[in-house]
Amino acid sequence: MSIPIFVAAALCEIGGCFSFWAWLRLGKSALWLLPGVALLVAFAWLLTLVDSSAAGRAYATYGGIYIAASLGWLWVAEGVRPDRWDLLGAAVCVAGACIILLAPRAA
């Protein structure tokens, strides 16, 4: 159940941060900040839903998912296709996230 939550959190964080990017770097209206703030609040709330006994472990796992989702955003929203180095880097990060998420832990 954690993976869909991580993906939803990543989309919320990326969308929220992009609204600030659009306002400050692309010259969009400050009204772009309203959905951006809402998305960032949703992102923080979603991470609290992850079944983990330690917030830091949940955040570390999320980091790998976030990197891969950011490359998806790069391609879909910005029209820039990730190159092989982007994909390799994301694969390494997702592998690390899987190790953190799926490692056997003492109860």
PDB file of N, CA and C in Angstrom:
ATOM      1  N   MET A   1       0.813  -1.198   0.000  1.00  0.00           N
ATOM      2  CA  MET A   1       0.000   0.000   0.000  1.00  0.00           C
ATOM      3  C   MET A   1       0.856   1.262   0.000  1.00  0.00           C
ATOM      4  N   SER A   2       2.112   1.188   0.398  1.00  0.00           N
ATOM      5  CA  SER A   2       2.956   2.375   0.493  1.00  0.00           C
ATOM      6  C   SER A   2       3.297   2.989  -0.858  1.00  0.00           C
ATOM      7  N   ILE A   3       3.510   2.163  -1.869  1.00  0.00           N
ATOM      8  CA  ILE A   3       3.943   2.689  -3.171  1.00  0.00           C
ATOM      9  C   ILE A   3       2.922   3.667  -3.757  1.00  0.00           C
ATOM     10  N   PRO A   4       1.623   3.339  -3.792  1.00  0.00           N
ATOM     11  CA  PRO A   4       0.675   4.338  -4.322  1.00  0.00           C
ATOM     12  C   PRO A   4       0.661   5.633  -3.509  1.00  0.00           C
ATOM     13  N   ILE A   5       0.859   5.531  -2.208  1.00  0.00           N
ATOM     14  CA  ILE A   5       0.910   6.740  -1.373  1.00  0.00           C
ATOM     15  C   ILE A   5       2.148   7.562  -1.728  1.00  0.00           C
ATOM     16  N   PHE A   6       3.294   6.895  -1.890  1.00  0.00           N
ATOM     17  CA  PHE A   6       4.512   7.606  -2.270  1.00  0.00           C
ATOM     18  C   PHE A   6       4.349   8.290  -3.628  1.00  0.00           C
ATOM     19  N   VAL A   7       3.740   7.599  -4.578  1.00  0.00           N
ATOM     20  CA  VAL A   7       3.546   8.179  -5.918  1.00  0.00           C
ATOM     21  C   VAL A   7       2.615   9.388  -5.835  1.00  0.00           C
ATOM     22  N   ALA A   8       1.513   9.256  -5.103  1.00  0.00           N
ATOM     23  CA  ALA A   8       0.589  10.387  -4.951  1.00  0.00           C
ATOM     24  C   ALA A   8       1.278  11.558  -4.258  1.00  0.00           C
ATOM     25  N   ALA A   9       2.072  11.265  -3.225  1.00  0.00           N
ATOM     26  CA  ALA A   9       2.808  12.319  -2.520  1.00  0.00           C
ATOM     27  C   ALA A   9       3.787  13.006  -3.465  1.00  0.00           C
ATOM     28  N   ALA A  10       4.468  12.229  -4.286  1.00  0.00           N
ATOM     29  CA  ALA A  10       5.429  12.809  -5.226  1.00  0.00           C
ATOM     30  C   ALA A  10       4.738  13.738  -6.213  1.00  0.00           C
ATOM     31  N   LEU A  11       3.610  13.308  -6.742  1.00  0.00           N
ATOM     32  CA  LEU A  11       2.884  14.158  -7.688  1.00  0.00           C
ATOM     33  C   LEU A  11       2.413  15.445  -7.024  1.00  0.00           C
ATOM     34  N   CYS A  12       1.964  15.347  -5.781  1.00  0.00           N
ATOM     35  CA  CYS A  12       1.545  16.549  -5.048  1.00  0.00           C
ATOM     36  C   CYS A  12       2.728  17.477  -4.798  1.00  0.00           C
ATOM     37  N   GLU A  13       3.849  16.908  -4.374  1.00  0.00           N
ATOM     38  CA  GLU A  13       5.008  17.763  -4.090  1.00  0.00           C
ATOM     39  C   GLU A  13       5.541  18.415  -5.362  1.00  0.00           C
ATOM     40  N   ILE A  14       5.654  17.641  -6.415  1.00  0.00           N
ATOM     41  CA  ILE A  14       6.165  18.193  -7.669  1.00  0.00           C
ATOM     42  C   ILE A  14       5.226  19.268  -8.207  1.00  0.00           C
ATOM     43  N   GLY A  15       3.930  18.983  -8.194  1.00  0.00           N
ATOM     44  CA  GLY A  15       2.961  19.980  -8.660  1.00  0.00           C
ATOM     45  C   GLY A  15       2.988  21.234  -7.809  1.00  0.00           C
ATOM     46  N   GLY A  16       3.082  21.060  -6.498  1.00  0.00           N
ATOM     47  CA  GLY A  16       3.134  22.206  -5.599  1.00  0.00           C
ATOM     48  C   GLY A  16       4.382  23.036  -5.809  1.00  0.00           C
ATOM     49  N   CYS A  17       5.512  22.375  -5.916  1.00  0.00           N
ATOM     50  CA  CYS A  17       6.768  23.104  -6.148  1.00  0.00           C
ATOM     51  C   CYS A  17       6.779  23.750  -7.528  1.00  0.00           C
ATOM     52  N   PHE A  18       6.189  23.076  -8.511  1.00  0.00           N
ATOM     53  CA  PHE A  18       6.158  23.661  -9.852  1.00  0.00           C
ATOM     54  C   PHE A  18       5.327  24.943  -9.876  1.00  0.00           C
ATOM     55  N   SER A  19       4.295  25.012  -9.038  1.00  0.00           N
ATOM     56  CA  SER A  19       3.496  26.245  -9.019  1.00  0.00           C
ATOM     57  C   SER A  19       4.356  27.430  -8.566  1.00  0.00           C
ATOM     58  N   PHE A  20       5.248  27.199  -7.603  1.00  0.00           N
ATOM     59  CA  PHE A  20       6.168  28.254  -7.192  1.00  0.00           C
ATOM     60  C   PHE A  20       7.171  28.571  -8.311  1.00  0.00           C
ATOM     61  N   TRP A  21       7.638  27.537  -8.977  1.00  0.00           N
ATOM     62  CA  TRP A  21       8.552  27.712 -10.106  1.00  0.00           C
ATOM     63  C   TRP A  21       7.871  28.559 -11.194  1.00  0.00           C
ATOM     64  N   ALA A  22       6.620  28.213 -11.489  1.00  0.00           N
ATOM     65  CA  ALA A  22       5.888  28.948 -12.525  1.00  0.00           C
ATOM     66  C   ALA A  22       5.728  30.417 -12.142  1.00  0.00           C
ATOM     67  N   TRP A  23       5.439  30.670 -10.889  1.00  0.00           N
ATOM     68  CA  TRP A  23       5.254  32.045 -10.424  1.00  0.00           C
ATOM     69  C   TRP A  23       6.568  32.824 -10.480  1.00  0.00           C
ATOM     70  N   LEU A  24       7.634  32.242  -9.902  1.00  0.00           N
ATOM     71  CA  LEU A  24       8.891  32.973  -9.777  1.00  0.00           C
ATOM     72  C   LEU A  24       9.770  32.937 -11.026  1.00  0.00           C
ATOM     73  N   ARG A  25       9.736  31.829 -11.748  1.00  0.00           N
ATOM     74  CA  ARG A  25      10.664  31.692 -12.876  1.00  0.00           C
ATOM     75  C   ARG A  25       9.999  31.867 -14.232  1.00  0.00           C
ATOM     76  N   LEU A  26       8.698  31.582 -14.305  1.00  0.00           N
ATOM     77  CA  LEU A  26       8.005  31.672 -15.593  1.00  0.00           C
ATOM     78  C   LEU A  26       7.097  32.892 -15.684  1.00  0.00           C
ATOM     79  N   GLY A  27       7.058  33.691 -14.611  1.00  0.00           N
ATOM     80  CA  GLY A  27       6.265  34.912 -14.633  1.00  0.00           C
ATOM     81  C   GLY A  27       4.763  34.717 -14.576  1.00  0.00           C
ATOM     82  N   LYS A  28       4.313  33.590 -14.065  1.00  0.00           N
ATOM     83  CA  LYS A  28       2.873  33.347 -13.936  1.00  0.00           C
ATOM     84  C   LYS A  28       2.306  34.154 -12.776  1.00  0.00           C
ATOM     85  N   SER A  29       1.003  34.248 -12.745  1.00  0.00           N
ATOM     86  CA  SER A  29       0.304  34.979 -11.689  1.00  0.00           C
ATOM     87  C   SER A  29       0.561  34.351 -10.321  1.00  0.00           C
ATOM     88  N   ALA A  30       0.509  35.186  -9.289  1.00  0.00           N
ATOM     89  CA  ALA A  30       0.649  34.689  -7.917  1.00  0.00           C
ATOM     90  C   ALA A  30      -0.498  33.759  -7.550  1.00  0.00           C
ATOM     91  N   LEU A  31      -1.566  33.773  -8.311  1.00  0.00           N
ATOM     92  CA  LEU A  31      -2.678  32.843  -8.063  1.00  0.00           C
ATOM     93  C   LEU A  31      -2.247  31.385  -8.236  1.00  0.00           C
ATOM     94  N   TRP A  32      -1.156  31.161  -8.947  1.00  0.00           N
ATOM     95  CA  TRP A  32      -0.619  29.807  -9.080  1.00  0.00           C
ATOM     96  C   TRP A  32      -0.205  29.236  -7.724  1.00  0.00           C
ATOM     97  N   LEU A  33       0.016  30.111  -6.756  1.00  0.00           N
ATOM     98  CA  LEU A  33       0.448  29.657  -5.438  1.00  0.00           C
ATOM     99  C   LEU A  33      -0.676  28.983  -4.657  1.00  0.00           C
ATOM    100  N   LEU A  34      -1.913  29.326  -4.936  1.00  0.00           N
ATOM    101  CA  LEU A  34      -3.033  28.732  -4.189  1.00  0.00           C
ATOM    102  C   LEU A  34      -3.101  27.218  -4.354  1.00  0.00           C
ATOM    103  N   PRO A  35      -3.174  26.712  -5.576  1.00  0.00           N
ATOM    104  CA  PRO A  35      -3.157  25.242  -5.690  1.00  0.00           C
ATOM    105  C   PRO A  35      -1.813  24.659  -5.257  1.00  0.00           C
ATOM    106  N   GLY A  36      -0.740  25.433  -5.425  1.00  0.00           N
ATOM    107  CA  GLY A  36       0.581  24.956  -5.016  1.00  0.00           C
ATOM    108  C   GLY A  36       0.653  24.678  -3.529  1.00  0.00           C
ATOM    109  N   VAL A  37       0.152  25.605  -2.732  1.00  0.00           N
ATOM    110  CA  VAL A  37       0.153  25.414  -1.273  1.00  0.00           C
ATOM    111  C   VAL A  37      -0.734  24.230  -0.900  1.00  0.00           C
ATOM    112  N   ALA A  38      -1.897  24.126  -1.535  1.00  0.00           N
ATOM    113  CA  ALA A  38      -2.805  22.999  -1.249  1.00  0.00           C
ATOM    114  C   ALA A  38      -2.130  21.663  -1.585  1.00  0.00           C
ATOM    115  N   LEU A  39      -1.428  21.624  -2.700  1.00  0.00           N
ATOM    116  CA  LEU A  39      -0.727  20.394  -3.078  1.00  0.00           C
ATOM    117  C   LEU A  39       0.392  20.055  -2.100  1.00  0.00           C
ATOM    118  N   LEU A  40       1.091  21.045  -1.612  1.00  0.00           N
ATOM    119  CA  LEU A  40       2.163  20.782  -0.645  1.00  0.00           C
ATOM    120  C   LEU A  40       1.602  20.306   0.694  1.00  0.00           C
ATOM    121  N   VAL A  41       0.450  20.824   1.088  1.00  0.00           N
ATOM    122  CA  VAL A  41      -0.207  20.328   2.302  1.00  0.00           C
ATOM    123  C   VAL A  41      -0.633  18.874   2.090  1.00  0.00           C
ATOM    124  N   ALA A  42      -1.199  18.575   0.921  1.00  0.00           N
ATOM    125  CA  ALA A  42      -1.604  17.194   0.615  1.00  0.00           C
ATOM    126  C   ALA A  42      -0.399  16.262   0.618  1.00  0.00           C
ATOM    127  N   PHE A  43       0.716  16.724   0.077  1.00  0.00           N
ATOM    128  CA  PHE A  43       1.948  15.935   0.074  1.00  0.00           C
ATOM    129  C   PHE A  43       2.358  15.555   1.501  1.00  0.00           C
ATOM    130  N   ALA A  44       2.396  16.540   2.388  1.00  0.00           N
ATOM    131  CA  ALA A  44       2.808  16.271   3.775  1.00  0.00           C
ATOM    132  C   ALA A  44       1.833  15.318   4.454  1.00  0.00           C
ATOM    133  N   TRP A  45       0.551  15.503   4.232  1.00  0.00           N
ATOM    134  CA  TRP A  45      -0.467  14.629   4.826  1.00  0.00           C
ATOM    135  C   TRP A  45      -0.320  13.201   4.301  1.00  0.00           C
ATOM    136  N   LEU A  46      -0.116  13.058   2.998  1.00  0.00           N
ATOM    137  CA  LEU A  46       0.010  11.717   2.419  1.00  0.00           C
ATOM    138  C   LEU A  46       1.175  10.943   3.038  1.00  0.00           C
ATOM    139  N   LEU A  47       2.289  11.612   3.282  1.00  0.00           N
ATOM    140  CA  LEU A  47       3.422  10.890   3.872  1.00  0.00           C
ATOM    141  C   LEU A  47       3.115  10.364   5.272  1.00  0.00           C
ATOM    142  N   THR A  48       2.171  10.998   5.968  1.00  0.00           N
ATOM    143  CA  THR A  48       1.803  10.483   7.291  1.00  0.00           C
ATOM    144  C   THR A  48       1.018   9.181   7.197  1.00  0.00           C
ATOM    145  N   LEU A  49       0.516   8.852   6.016  1.00  0.00           N
ATOM    146  CA  LEU A  49      -0.279   7.630   5.835  1.00  0.00           C
ATOM    147  C   LEU A  49       0.579   6.390   5.594  1.00  0.00           C
ATOM    148  N   VAL A  50       1.862   6.587   5.353  1.00  0.00           N
ATOM    149  CA  VAL A  50       2.757   5.458   5.088  1.00  0.00           C
ATOM    150  C   VAL A  50       2.939   4.650   6.360  1.00  0.00           C
ATOM    151  N   ASP A  51       2.825   3.340   6.213  1.00  0.00           N
ATOM    152  CA  ASP A  51       2.981   2.435   7.355  1.00  0.00           C
ATOM    153  C   ASP A  51       4.466   2.267   7.664  1.00  0.00           C
ATOM    154  N   SER A  52       4.962   3.105   8.551  1.00  0.00           N
ATOM    155  CA  SER A  52       6.364   3.055   8.946  1.00  0.00           C
ATOM    156  C   SER A  52       6.458   3.492  10.400  1.00  0.00           C
ATOM    157  N   SER A  53       7.339   2.838  11.131  1.00  0.00           N
ATOM    158  CA  SER A  53       7.510   3.206  12.534  1.00  0.00           C
ATOM    159  C   SER A  53       8.433   4.411  12.695  1.00  0.00           C
ATOM    160  N   ALA A  54       9.132   4.798  11.627  1.00  0.00           N
ATOM    161  CA  ALA A  54      10.069   5.914  11.694  1.00  0.00           C
ATOM    162  C   ALA A  54       9.848   6.854  10.518  1.00  0.00           C
ATOM    163  N   ALA A  55       9.614   8.105  10.820  1.00  0.00           N
ATOM    164  CA  ALA A  55       9.374   9.092   9.766  1.00  0.00           C
ATOM    165  C   ALA A  55      10.578   9.198   8.828  1.00  0.00           C
ATOM    166  N   GLY A  56      11.776   9.195   9.378  1.00  0.00           N
ATOM    167  CA  GLY A  56      12.967   9.320   8.549  1.00  0.00           C
ATOM    168  C   GLY A  56      13.091   8.215   7.522  1.00  0.00           C
ATOM    169  N   ARG A  57      12.718   6.991   7.903  1.00  0.00           N
ATOM    170  CA  ARG A  57      12.774   5.868   6.961  1.00  0.00           C
ATOM    171  C   ARG A  57      11.733   6.056   5.857  1.00  0.00           C
ATOM    172  N   ALA A  58      10.557   6.525   6.225  1.00  0.00           N
ATOM    173  CA  ALA A  58       9.514   6.784   5.225  1.00  0.00           C
ATOM    174  C   ALA A  58       9.978   7.874   4.263  1.00  0.00           C
ATOM    175  N   TYR A  59      10.604   8.932   4.794  1.00  0.00           N
ATOM    176  CA  TYR A  59      11.069  10.029   3.943  1.00  0.00           C
ATOM    177  C   TYR A  59      12.198   9.574   3.032  1.00  0.00           C
ATOM    178  N   ALA A  60      13.096   8.743   3.547  1.00  0.00           N
ATOM    179  CA  ALA A  60      14.206   8.239   2.739  1.00  0.00           C
ATOM    180  C   ALA A  60      13.684   7.391   1.583  1.00  0.00           C
ATOM    181  N   THR A  61      12.718   6.533   1.884  1.00  0.00           N
ATOM    182  CA  THR A  61      12.128   5.713   0.832  1.00  0.00           C
ATOM    183  C   THR A  61      11.432   6.592  -0.193  1.00  0.00           C
ATOM    184  N   TYR A  62      10.696   7.565   0.292  1.00  0.00           N
ATOM    185  CA  TYR A  62       9.988   8.490  -0.590  1.00  0.00           C
ATOM    186  C   TYR A  62      10.948   9.205  -1.540  1.00  0.00           C
ATOM    187  N   GLY A  63      12.135   9.512  -1.075  1.00  0.00           N
ATOM    188  CA  GLY A  63      13.108  10.232  -1.895  1.00  0.00           C
ATOM    189  C   GLY A  63      13.389   9.549  -3.220  1.00  0.00           C
ATOM    190  N   GLY A  64      13.540   8.240  -3.208  1.00  0.00           N
ATOM    191  CA  GLY A  64      13.785   7.500  -4.451  1.00  0.00           C
ATOM    192  C   GLY A  64      12.606   7.572  -5.397  1.00  0.00           C
ATOM    193  N   ILE A  65      11.411   7.450  -4.838  1.00  0.00           N
ATOM    194  CA  ILE A  65      10.198   7.535  -5.650  1.00  0.00           C
ATOM    195  C   ILE A  65      10.059   8.946  -6.223  1.00  0.00           C
ATOM    196  N   TYR A  66      10.372   9.946  -5.416  1.00  0.00           N
ATOM    197  CA  TYR A  66      10.288  11.342  -5.853  1.00  0.00           C
ATOM    198  C   TYR A  66      11.202  11.600  -7.053  1.00  0.00           C
ATOM    199  N   ILE A  67      12.413  11.072  -7.012  1.00  0.00           N
ATOM    200  CA  ILE A  67      13.353  11.286  -8.108  1.00  0.00           C
ATOM    201  C   ILE A  67      12.804  10.706  -9.407  1.00  0.00           C
ATOM    202  N   ALA A  68      12.287   9.492  -9.352  1.00  0.00           N
ATOM    203  CA  ALA A  68      11.724   8.878 -10.554  1.00  0.00           C
ATOM    204  C   ALA A  68      10.499   9.660 -11.047  1.00  0.00           C
ATOM    205  N   ALA A  69       9.646  10.078 -10.121  1.00  0.00           N
ATOM    206  CA  ALA A  69       8.463  10.854 -10.505  1.00  0.00           C
ATOM    207  C   ALA A  69       8.852  12.201 -11.102  1.00  0.00           C
ATOM    208  N   SER A  70       9.932  12.791 -10.610  1.00  0.00           N
ATOM    209  CA  SER A  70      10.399  14.069 -11.156  1.00  0.00           C
ATOM    210  C   SER A  70      10.803  13.932 -12.619  1.00  0.00           C
ATOM    211  N   LEU A  71      11.404  12.809 -12.959  1.00  0.00           N
ATOM    212  CA  LEU A  71      11.767  12.579 -14.358  1.00  0.00           C
ATOM    213  C   LEU A  71      10.523  12.364 -15.219  1.00  0.00           C
ATOM    214  N   GLY A  72       9.503  11.734 -14.636  1.00  0.00           N
ATOM    215  CA  GLY A  72       8.220  11.627 -15.339  1.00  0.00           C
ATOM    216  C   GLY A  72       7.622  13.007 -15.597  1.00  0.00           C
ATOM    217  N   TRP A  73       7.707  13.881 -14.590  1.00  0.00           N
ATOM    218  CA  TRP A  73       7.225  15.264 -14.739  1.00  0.00           C
ATOM    219  C   TRP A  73       8.022  15.988 -15.832  1.00  0.00           C
ATOM    220  N   LEU A  74       9.339  15.804 -15.805  1.00  0.00           N
ATOM    221  CA  LEU A  74      10.209  16.410 -16.806  1.00  0.00           C
ATOM    222  C   LEU A  74       9.721  16.074 -18.213  1.00  0.00           C
ATOM    223  N   TRP A  75       9.367  14.815 -18.413  1.00  0.00           N
ATOM    224  CA  TRP A  75       8.966  14.343 -19.728  1.00  0.00           C
ATOM    225  C   TRP A  75       7.547  14.792 -20.079  1.00  0.00           C
ATOM    226  N   VAL A  76       6.597  14.533 -19.171  1.00  0.00           N
ATOM    227  CA  VAL A  76       5.181  14.795 -19.470  1.00  0.00           C
ATOM    228  C   VAL A  76       4.847  16.283 -19.425  1.00  0.00           C
ATOM    229  N   ALA A  77       5.241  16.972 -18.371  1.00  0.00           N
ATOM    230  CA  ALA A  77       4.831  18.360 -18.185  1.00  0.00           C
ATOM    231  C   ALA A  77       5.748  19.359 -18.890  1.00  0.00           C
ATOM    232  N   GLU A  78       7.045  19.021 -18.975  1.00  0.00           N
ATOM    233  CA  GLU A  78       7.980  19.977 -19.548  1.00  0.00           C
ATOM    234  C   GLU A  78       8.449  19.608 -20.952  1.00  0.00           C
ATOM    235  N   GLY A  79       8.066  18.416 -21.415  1.00  0.00           N
ATOM    236  CA  GLY A  79       8.395  18.017 -22.775  1.00  0.00           C
ATOM    237  C   GLY A  79       9.856  17.694 -23.017  1.00  0.00           C
ATOM    238  N   VAL A  80      10.593  17.400 -21.944  1.00  0.00           N
ATOM    239  CA  VAL A  80      12.016  17.054 -22.069  1.00  0.00           C
ATOM    240  C   VAL A  80      12.159  15.566 -21.744  1.00  0.00           C
ATOM    241  N   ARG A  81      12.578  14.817 -22.727  1.00  0.00           N
ATOM    242  CA  ARG A  81      12.711  13.375 -22.522  1.00  0.00           C
ATOM    243  C   ARG A  81      13.970  13.077 -21.699  1.00  0.00           C
ATOM    244  N   PRO A  82      13.815  12.315 -20.602  1.00  0.00           N
ATOM    245  CA  PRO A  82      14.989  11.942 -19.797  1.00  0.00           C
ATOM    246  C   PRO A  82      15.976  11.130 -20.636  1.00  0.00           C
ATOM    247  N   ASP A  83      17.265  11.377 -20.429  1.00  0.00           N
ATOM    248  CA  ASP A  83      18.269  10.607 -21.155  1.00  0.00           C
ATOM    249  C   ASP A  83      18.645   9.359 -20.358  1.00  0.00           C
ATOM    250  N   ARG A  84      19.552   8.590 -20.886  1.00  0.00           N
ATOM    251  CA  ARG A  84      19.907   7.319 -20.244  1.00  0.00           C
ATOM    252  C   ARG A  84      20.530   7.543 -18.875  1.00  0.00           C
ATOM    253  N   TRP A  85      21.225   8.655 -18.677  1.00  0.00           N
ATOM    254  CA  TRP A  85      21.840   8.932 -17.382  1.00  0.00           C
ATOM    255  C   TRP A  85      20.781   9.293 -16.347  1.00  0.00           C
ATOM    256  N   ASP A  86      19.764  10.022 -16.790  1.00  0.00           N
ATOM    257  CA  ASP A  86      18.635  10.304 -15.898  1.00  0.00           C
ATOM    258  C   ASP A  86      17.987   8.997 -15.451  1.00  0.00           C
ATOM    259  N   LEU A  87      17.745   8.121 -16.420  1.00  0.00           N
ATOM    260  CA  LEU A  87      17.067   6.855 -16.109  1.00  0.00           C
ATOM    261  C   LEU A  87      17.927   5.954 -15.230  1.00  0.00           C
ATOM    262  N   LEU A  88      19.216   5.911 -15.511  1.00  0.00           N
ATOM    263  CA  LEU A  88      20.114   5.105 -14.677  1.00  0.00           C
ATOM    264  C   LEU A  88      20.137   5.647 -13.249  1.00  0.00           C
ATOM    265  N   GLY A  89      20.262   6.952 -13.105  1.00  0.00           N
ATOM    266  CA  GLY A  89      20.263   7.552 -11.776  1.00  0.00           C
ATOM    267  C   GLY A  89      18.971   7.276 -11.025  1.00  0.00           C
ATOM    268  N   ALA A  90      17.844   7.389 -11.719  1.00  0.00           N
ATOM    269  CA  ALA A  90      16.557   7.112 -11.081  1.00  0.00           C
ATOM    270  C   ALA A  90      16.459   5.648 -10.679  1.00  0.00           C
ATOM    271  N   ALA A  91      16.960   4.747 -11.526  1.00  0.00           N
ATOM    272  CA  ALA A  91      16.912   3.315 -11.205  1.00  0.00           C
ATOM    273  C   ALA A  91      17.725   3.015  -9.947  1.00  0.00           C
ATOM    274  N   VAL A  92      18.881   3.641  -9.825  1.00  0.00           N
ATOM    275  CA  VAL A  92      19.703   3.454  -8.621  1.00  0.00           C
ATOM    276  C   VAL A  92      18.954   3.955  -7.390  1.00  0.00           C
ATOM    277  N   CYS A  93      18.313   5.116  -7.523  1.00  0.00           N
ATOM    278  CA  CYS A  93      17.574   5.680  -6.389  1.00  0.00           C
ATOM    279  C   CYS A  93      16.380   4.819  -6.003  1.00  0.00           C
ATOM    280  N   VAL A  94      15.646   4.321  -6.991  1.00  0.00           N
ATOM    281  CA  VAL A  94      14.493   3.466  -6.701  1.00  0.00           C
ATOM    282  C   VAL A  94      14.964   2.151  -6.078  1.00  0.00           C
ATOM    283  N   ALA A  95      16.095   1.623  -6.549  1.00  0.00           N
ATOM    284  CA  ALA A  95      16.649   0.407  -5.931  1.00  0.00           C
ATOM    285  C   ALA A  95      16.972   0.670  -4.467  1.00  0.00           C
ATOM    286  N   GLY A  96      17.570   1.795  -4.187  1.00  0.00           N
ATOM    287  CA  GLY A  96      17.860   2.158  -2.797  1.00  0.00           C
ATOM    288  C   GLY A  96      16.602   2.301  -1.977  1.00  0.00           C
ATOM    289  N   ALA A  97      15.583   2.927  -2.558  1.00  0.00           N
ATOM    290  CA  ALA A  97      14.307   3.078  -1.859  1.00  0.00           C
ATOM    291  C   ALA A  97      13.690   1.715  -1.557  1.00  0.00           C
ATOM    292  N   CYS A  98      13.786   0.787  -2.503  1.00  0.00           N
ATOM    293  CA  CYS A  98      13.239  -0.552  -2.279  1.00  0.00           C
ATOM    294  C   CYS A  98      13.990  -1.280  -1.165  1.00  0.00           C
ATOM    295  N   ILE A  99      15.296  -1.095  -1.119  1.00  0.00           N
ATOM    296  CA  ILE A  99      16.071  -1.720  -0.035  1.00  0.00           C
ATOM    297  C   ILE A  99      15.599  -1.190   1.309  1.00  0.00           C
ATOM    298  N   ILE A 100      15.435   0.121   1.406  1.00  0.00           N
ATOM    299  CA  ILE A 100      14.994   0.721   2.664  1.00  0.00           C
ATOM    300  C   ILE A 100      13.592   0.247   3.021  1.00  0.00           C
ATOM    301  N   LEU A 101      12.689   0.225   2.025  1.00  0.00           N
ATOM    302  CA  LEU A 101      11.282  -0.122   2.278  1.00  0.00           C
ATOM    303  C   LEU A 101      11.100  -1.611   2.580  1.00  0.00           C
ATOM    304  N   LEU A 102      11.794  -2.463   1.870  1.00  0.00           N
ATOM    305  CA  LEU A 102      11.504  -3.898   1.926  1.00  0.00           C
ATOM    306  C   LEU A 102      12.472  -4.709   2.801  1.00  0.00           C
ATOM    307  N   ALA A 103      13.467  -4.055   3.374  1.00  0.00           N
ATOM    308  CA  ALA A 103      14.443  -4.790   4.193  1.00  0.00           C
ATOM    309  C   ALA A 103      13.748  -5.431   5.405  1.00  0.00           C
ATOM    310  N   PRO A 104      14.147  -6.666   5.714  1.00  0.00           N
ATOM    311  CA  PRO A 104      13.567  -7.295   6.912  1.00  0.00           C
ATOM    312  C   PRO A 104      14.030  -6.544   8.171  1.00  0.00           C
ATOM    313  N   ARG A 105      13.113  -6.291   9.023  1.00  0.00           N
ATOM    314  CA  ARG A 105      13.423  -5.535  10.244  1.00  0.00           C
ATOM    315  C   ARG A 105      12.943  -6.345  11.461  1.00  0.00           C
ATOM    316  N   ALA A 106      13.673  -6.206  12.533  1.00  0.00           N
ATOM    317  CA  ALA A 106      13.261  -6.842  13.782  1.00  0.00           C
ATOM    318  C   ALA A 106      12.006  -6.137  14.274  1.00  0.00           C
ATOM    319  N   ALA A 107      11.081  -6.888  14.786  1.00  0.00           N
ATOM    320  CA  ALA A 107       9.805  -6.322  15.239  1.00  0.00           C
ATOM    321  C   ALA A 107       9.907  -5.526  16.485  1.00  0.00           C
TER     322      ALA A 107
END
